Amino acid sequence: MEVLKEKVEEEAAATERAEAAERGEKLLRPLDARREEAPMTQEMLRDLEKKLSEIEIVVPEQPLTFTKDSIDISKLPLSYQSNTLKEEHLLQVADNFSRQYSHLCPDRVPLFLHPLNECEVPKFVSTTIRPTLMPYPELYNWDSCAQFVSDFLSMVPLPDPLKPMVQEEEKVPSKKYAIKPPRDLSSRFEQEQEMKKQEEMKGQEEKQRREEEARLLEMEKANIDPLHGLRVHSWIVVLSGKREVPESFFIDPFTARSYSTQDDHFLGIESLWNHKNYWINMQDCWNGCKDLIFDLGDPVRWEYLLLGTDKSHLSLTEEEDDGMNDNDDVENLGKEDEDKSFDMPPSWVEQIEISPEAFETRCPNGKKVIQYKRAKLEKWAPYLNSNGLMCRLTTYEDLECTKTLEIKEWYQNREDMLELKHINKSTGLNIDYFKPGHPQALRAHSYVSMQPEMDRVMEFYETARVDGLVKREETPSSMTEHYRGRSDFLSYRHVDFGPRVKKLALNSAESNPRPMVKITERFSRNPEKPADEDVAERAFLIQEERIQLRYHCRDDHITASKREFLRRTEVDSKGNKIIMTPDMCISFEVEPMEHTKKLLYQYEAMMKLRNEEKLSRHQAWESELEVLEILKLQEEEDDTHTLAISIYDTKRNEKSKEYREAMERVMHEEHLRQVEAQLDYLAPFLAQLPPGNKLTHWQAMCVKDECLSDFKQRLIDKANLIQARFEKETQELQKQQQWYQENQVTLTAEDEDWYLSYCSQAMFRIRILEQRLNRHKELAPLKYLALEEKLHKDPRLVEFLKVFV
């Protein structure tokens, strides 16, 4: 180890450092407590060097996650299996830095500097980071990027919660030979006694288990943690300043949650690093991280490893800055050409490449299970489950996770827009939450059973419905609906049902509706009507044949007007039609008016209410049908599990996939035609000539004539082939027609169907062959002339045939 050179500066110089000679190693700045001491002599330096050399830095031999058995290291790049000269130099600088740190701070834990990688090669922690820009916009923001990393990581507890790495225990080799077990000579009576004893022991163990659970519950309430403040953890810190980050905050990589630097969960920081440098926290963490100042340019609070890397600097006043510059000019005179800095080597890891499939899968193998205390979280990749299940959170009552309390399931890409399903196992209550887009604009559905006419609550997106329905509550004997924003100012409807005569069925509301006993409706205030004429509540007592009205109360009144209509049969005992009688309307008016006492007014009001009663009964019946439709739709969706697929998802969208495959076939056929057109049509004829000799005029004329003659013969052969197929199909059709004429009387219906089908197919083939033959006769001369023109323009024959062009 080289001798350290230390220099004492004046009190105004706050950046006092020690320099290492020859190898350019980073110089460690003494602590604040040593600044006011006297300058160190050579003997003191030798004594310090001896003490530092005696300090041993323990480097773990086995990594926690990766082993030789899980990774084929032979396929890894060379940078994984060895270190460059610059990396070796950095490891020596880090060892020197660690020795000085352990000497100056013997009470603190050893630094985490260069763990072993997959190939058991020590690598500095900063070189394991390689900033990479990914082509996915979801990774541009910290929250979605942290969630993506959290899904990829699998939480594995450390064997020792106080150390980041431990050595792997040696496996005991199994014995090759084993002694055969002796014969069972035990007594049956002894076995029975042993079983009784085991049952007693199980009872005692069950009792002890209950007592242990009670004790654990008490300990949980006391919140006693024997390892509080000693556990090791790593997380991300985002510093303020760049990219409009107003203040620094923490990110937990395993949960993707963000925390303030003032959070009580974080008890202290030993060190932090990025891809450029490594810093040690020299601040006191007696109050957790609440009082820490994250100014990495302050060497008093953060001791850095490398001197020449980019780092933020302290903001100084102009006087301090000028004074320091003057001193530096004097002291650094003659040292301008000497550069003792050392920058971080490039990262040894390969650039991260994430395929679209892997980015969508996220979790390893598309599924991830995280076990918590009394809870279990399961995650799946999109479209991995046929029902669109993406995440499930199960909470338990006991520590063994055997008694389920509730289940929450999150869904995506469902055609029924189901987003969340909440199941309470203790009460049996199920709550389904839907995103906007449901056919009935359903927002939430609370139920115990999917059977109709049971206790349930439905909430809707009222802005997406024409009737403005917000909420519907149903019981076996009633139905309550709440409205908002209607033009008729209806805000509430309650329907009481009587017992049904026939048996209940799934479509009972349509075939056998429940008898309605009473319908109560409430209305909001209509400012265009007087309060005495604006109905606030009306009740249709159907079986009692009564209609009750209650009007809105005026602002300067304490009571509201009321009116009740009694319906009677249409005719009296003598058969005369009853129009209206005074006793059919009972009213209480706060300020009576003359026109309301007239029978004509009352009759018209009663006739209008009768029509509105029919309308209300019809709307209540439609509500029952809508409930049945929603239940049927949800049951079908649970059975079929139909998922919505985007038109841009060419991998899963069948229509898009078929269209893409059709386009690929067309392009492939076009490519084959182009290749066929580019074939050398003279090659078979030129191959018959002696090789190496120059083509003569006579040979060129022979090659041209032979090529045209061969092409002409091929055209004739093709026409003859089409003609032969045409004649064959015609003869077969004539034979079948003759057979039909001879056996027409004795044919069955199946034979006639077969004959008609055959005739249809045969006529189709004959027409196609006839069209192909006619088209060939039209194109054959044109193809012949085109080939002749190509031969005249061919560069190998053009000088011999140019006379004929």
Foldseek 3Di string as FASTA:
>chain_A
DAFKDFDQDDPLDQDGWIFGPDLLAGTFHDAPVCNPDDGDDPVNRVVVVVQLVPDDDDAEQDADPAECVVDPCVPPDPLLQDPDPLQVSVVVSVSSVQSVVCVRCVPDDGDDAWHADNNSYTGGPLLQDDDDDDPDPLCPDLLSVLVLLLQADADDQDPDQQDNDDYDDDDDDDDPDDDDDDDDPDDPVVVVVVVVVVVVVVVVVVVVVVVVQVVVVVCVVVVDDPCVPRGDDDWDKDADDPPHRHHIWIAHSNPSDIGRLQDPVAQEDQWDYHNKWIWGAPDDRNVGRNPDDPQCQNCNGIPIGWDPTDHDHDDDDPVSVVVVVVVCCVVCVPVPVPDSTRIGDHRSDDHDDADPVCSQLSHVVQKDWDDDQQKIKIAGGAPPDLLQWGIKIWGADGRVNPHTAKMKTAGPQFQQQWGIWIAGPVVQKIKTAGDQDHPQQWGMKIDNDLQPQDFIKTAGDLVVDPQQWGIWTGHNFKIKTAGPDDPLQWGIKMWGFDDWDDDDDLVCLPVPNTHTQKMKIAGDDDVVDDQLPAWGMWMQRPVQQKIKTWTGDDPPDDGTKIKMFHDDDQADPVRHGDQFDQVRMDIDHPDDDDVCSDRVNVSVVVVVVVVVVVVVVVVVSVVSVVSSVVSVVVVVCVVNSDGHDDLPPCPPPPVSVVVVVVVVVVVVVVVVVVVVVVDDLLVVLVVVDDPPDADDLVSLVVSLVVSLVVLLVVLVVVLVVLVVVLVVLVVVLVVLVVVCVVCVVVDDPVRVVVSVVSNVVSVVVNVVSVVVNVVSVVCVVVVSVVVSVCSCVPPSNVVSCVVVD
